[in-house]
Protein backbone atom coordinates (compact mmCIF):
# COMPACT_ATOMS: atom_id res chain seq x y z
CA MET A 1 141.92 -48.40 -29.99
CA ALA A 2 139.34 -45.97 -28.73
CA VAL A 3 139.06 -46.22 -24.96
CA VAL A 4 137.14 -44.16 -22.49
CA ILE A 5 138.72 -43.46 -19.11
CA ARG A 6 136.26 -43.23 -16.25
CA VAL A 7 136.02 -43.66 -12.49
CA LEU A 8 135.90 -47.23 -11.22
CA GLU A 9 132.34 -48.10 -10.13
CA ALA A 10 130.84 -50.77 -7.85
CA ALA A 11 129.29 -52.48 -10.89
CA ASP A 12 132.83 -53.05 -12.25
CA ARG A 13 133.73 -55.53 -9.49
CA ALA A 14 133.73 -58.76 -11.55
CA ALA A 15 135.63 -57.25 -14.49
CA TRP A 16 138.07 -55.52 -12.14
CA GLU A 17 138.78 -58.83 -10.38
CA VAL A 18 139.71 -60.42 -13.72
CA LEU A 19 142.13 -57.56 -14.41
CA TRP A 20 143.43 -57.65 -10.82
CA ALA A 21 144.18 -61.37 -11.18
CA GLY A 22 146.01 -60.64 -14.45
CA TYR A 23 148.01 -57.89 -12.76
CA LEU A 24 149.07 -60.19 -9.94
CA ALA A 25 149.91 -62.98 -12.39
CA PHE A 26 152.03 -60.58 -14.45
CA TYR A 27 154.15 -59.91 -11.37
CA GLU A 28 154.08 -63.60 -10.39
CA ALA A 29 152.48 -62.55 -7.13
CA SER A 30 149.50 -63.55 -5.08
CA VAL A 31 147.63 -61.93 -2.24
CA PRO A 32 145.14 -63.51 0.15
CA ASP A 33 141.46 -63.03 -0.67
CA GLU A 34 141.11 -60.65 2.27
CA VAL A 35 143.68 -58.31 0.67
CA THR A 36 141.73 -58.26 -2.58
CA GLU A 37 138.55 -57.58 -0.59
CA ALA A 38 140.23 -54.80 1.43
CA THR A 39 141.64 -53.26 -1.74
CA TRP A 40 138.19 -53.22 -3.31
CA ARG A 41 136.67 -51.64 -0.18
CA ARG A 42 139.36 -48.96 -0.22
CA LEU A 43 138.72 -48.26 -3.89
CA MET A 44 135.01 -47.91 -3.21
CA GLY A 45 135.49 -45.99 0.04
CA PRO A 46 135.16 -42.31 0.83
CA ALA A 47 137.47 -39.60 -0.49
CA GLY A 48 140.96 -39.72 0.95
CA GLY A 49 141.51 -43.42 0.31
CA ILE A 50 142.67 -45.09 -2.85
CA ASP A 51 141.05 -43.94 -6.08
CA GLY A 52 140.62 -46.01 -9.22
CA LEU A 53 140.06 -45.35 -12.91
CA VAL A 54 139.35 -47.84 -15.66
CA ALA A 55 139.87 -47.95 -19.40
CA VAL A 56 136.79 -49.18 -21.25
CA ASN A 57 136.89 -50.26 -24.90
CA ARG A 58 134.23 -49.68 -27.58
CA ASP A 59 132.49 -52.90 -26.57
CA GLY A 60 132.09 -51.67 -23.00
CA GLU A 61 134.72 -54.07 -21.65
CA LEU A 62 137.20 -53.01 -18.99
CA VAL A 63 140.68 -53.37 -20.48
CA GLY A 64 142.75 -51.65 -17.82
CA PHE A 65 142.88 -49.91 -14.48
CA VAL A 66 144.95 -47.52 -12.46
CA HIS A 67 144.92 -47.07 -8.68
CA TYR A 68 146.33 -43.93 -7.12
CA LEU A 69 146.30 -41.97 -3.88
CA PHE A 70 147.36 -38.64 -2.47
CA HIS A 71 149.47 -38.27 0.66
CA PRO A 72 151.33 -35.53 2.53
CA VAL A 73 155.12 -35.42 2.36
CA THR A 74 157.82 -33.70 4.39
CA TRP A 75 159.47 -32.11 1.34
CA SER A 76 156.50 -30.08 0.12
CA VAL A 77 153.51 -28.15 1.45
CA THR A 78 151.31 -29.90 -1.10
CA ASP A 79 150.31 -33.54 -1.30
CA ARG A 80 152.02 -35.97 -3.63
CA CYS A 81 150.25 -38.44 -5.90
CA TYR A 82 151.34 -42.06 -5.79
CA LEU A 83 150.31 -44.07 -8.85
CA GLU A 84 150.30 -47.48 -7.16
CA ASP A 85 148.94 -49.94 -9.72
CA LEU A 86 148.62 -49.74 -13.48
CA TYR A 87 147.50 -52.68 -15.58
CA VAL A 88 146.24 -53.15 -19.11
CA ALA A 89 145.01 -56.53 -20.34
CA GLU A 90 147.52 -58.19 -22.65
CA ALA A 91 145.21 -58.01 -25.67
CA ALA A 92 144.92 -54.22 -25.26
CA ARG A 93 148.60 -53.39 -24.66
CA GLY A 94 150.43 -51.03 -26.96
CA LEU A 95 147.25 -49.32 -28.07
CA GLY A 96 147.29 -46.31 -25.75
CA ALA A 97 145.13 -47.39 -22.81
CA GLY A 98 148.01 -47.33 -20.30
CA ARG A 99 149.14 -43.91 -21.41
CA ARG A 100 145.60 -42.53 -21.26
CA LEU A 101 145.14 -43.92 -17.75
CA MET A 102 148.41 -42.34 -16.61
CA GLU A 103 147.69 -38.99 -18.24
CA THR A 104 144.30 -38.88 -16.56
CA VAL A 105 145.97 -39.40 -13.18
CA PHE A 106 148.52 -36.68 -14.04
CA ASP A 107 145.65 -34.32 -14.88
CA ILE A 108 143.82 -35.12 -11.63
CA ALA A 109 147.03 -34.66 -9.65
CA GLY A 110 147.52 -31.26 -11.27
CA GLU A 111 143.95 -30.25 -10.47
CA GLU A 112 144.49 -31.32 -6.86
CA GLY A 113 147.70 -29.30 -6.62
CA ALA A 114 150.04 -32.27 -6.11
CA ASP A 115 153.69 -31.33 -6.51
CA GLN A 116 154.39 -34.57 -8.39
CA THR A 117 153.10 -37.97 -9.36
CA TYR A 118 155.42 -40.91 -8.87
CA TRP A 119 155.34 -44.66 -9.38
CA TRP A 120 157.50 -47.79 -9.18
CA THR A 121 157.96 -50.63 -11.60
CA HIS A 122 160.04 -53.75 -11.73
CA ASP A 123 163.30 -53.25 -13.60
CA SER A 124 162.42 -56.17 -15.89
CA ASN A 125 159.13 -54.57 -16.99
CA GLU A 126 160.64 -53.39 -20.28
CA THR A 127 157.36 -52.91 -22.14
CA ALA A 128 155.94 -50.57 -19.50
CA ARG A 129 159.27 -48.83 -19.06
CA ARG A 130 159.20 -47.73 -22.70
CA LEU A 131 155.99 -45.83 -21.89
CA TYR A 132 157.28 -44.60 -18.54
CA ASP A 133 160.44 -43.22 -20.18
CA ARG A 134 158.24 -41.11 -22.46
CA VAL A 135 155.93 -39.72 -19.76
CA GLY A 136 158.26 -39.43 -16.78
CA ALA A 137 161.86 -39.40 -15.64
CA VAL A 138 163.79 -42.17 -13.89
CA THR A 139 164.91 -41.04 -10.44
CA PRO A 140 168.17 -42.00 -8.74
CA PHE A 141 166.36 -43.43 -5.72
CA ILE A 142 166.50 -47.12 -4.86
CA LYS A 143 163.63 -48.73 -2.98
CA TYR A 144 164.34 -50.71 0.17
CA ALA A 145 161.76 -52.83 1.97
CA ARG A 146 161.64 -54.78 5.17
């Protein structure tokens, strides 16, 4: 599958919303409409917020997205890159779009001088974890939330 990775644009809103809904459904999650709206505003906002990239197939259809952001940390003098959301439409999985999206974020993080890029996934997400095991390393940290 030949995909082009490019910056998410305002004209992508409708196609992004379809992918966003698929992403939420995959995780059996839902968010209120105002969260989706706020997320979109952040993605379209000025530098320093959340950035987004999309994978576009030969037909010009969005088949995936990645959202990421940079933030300071106490363990480094450089920012760290958090790869927050990664989603590829089911019909396009296993064809390289997810890996290309991630590698583009890794490249951007390197250009920005980030000391690392990190991400979370659900332990049951075996398909994605096969990719993640090839491009990254599992850490010993356990996430807590309240």
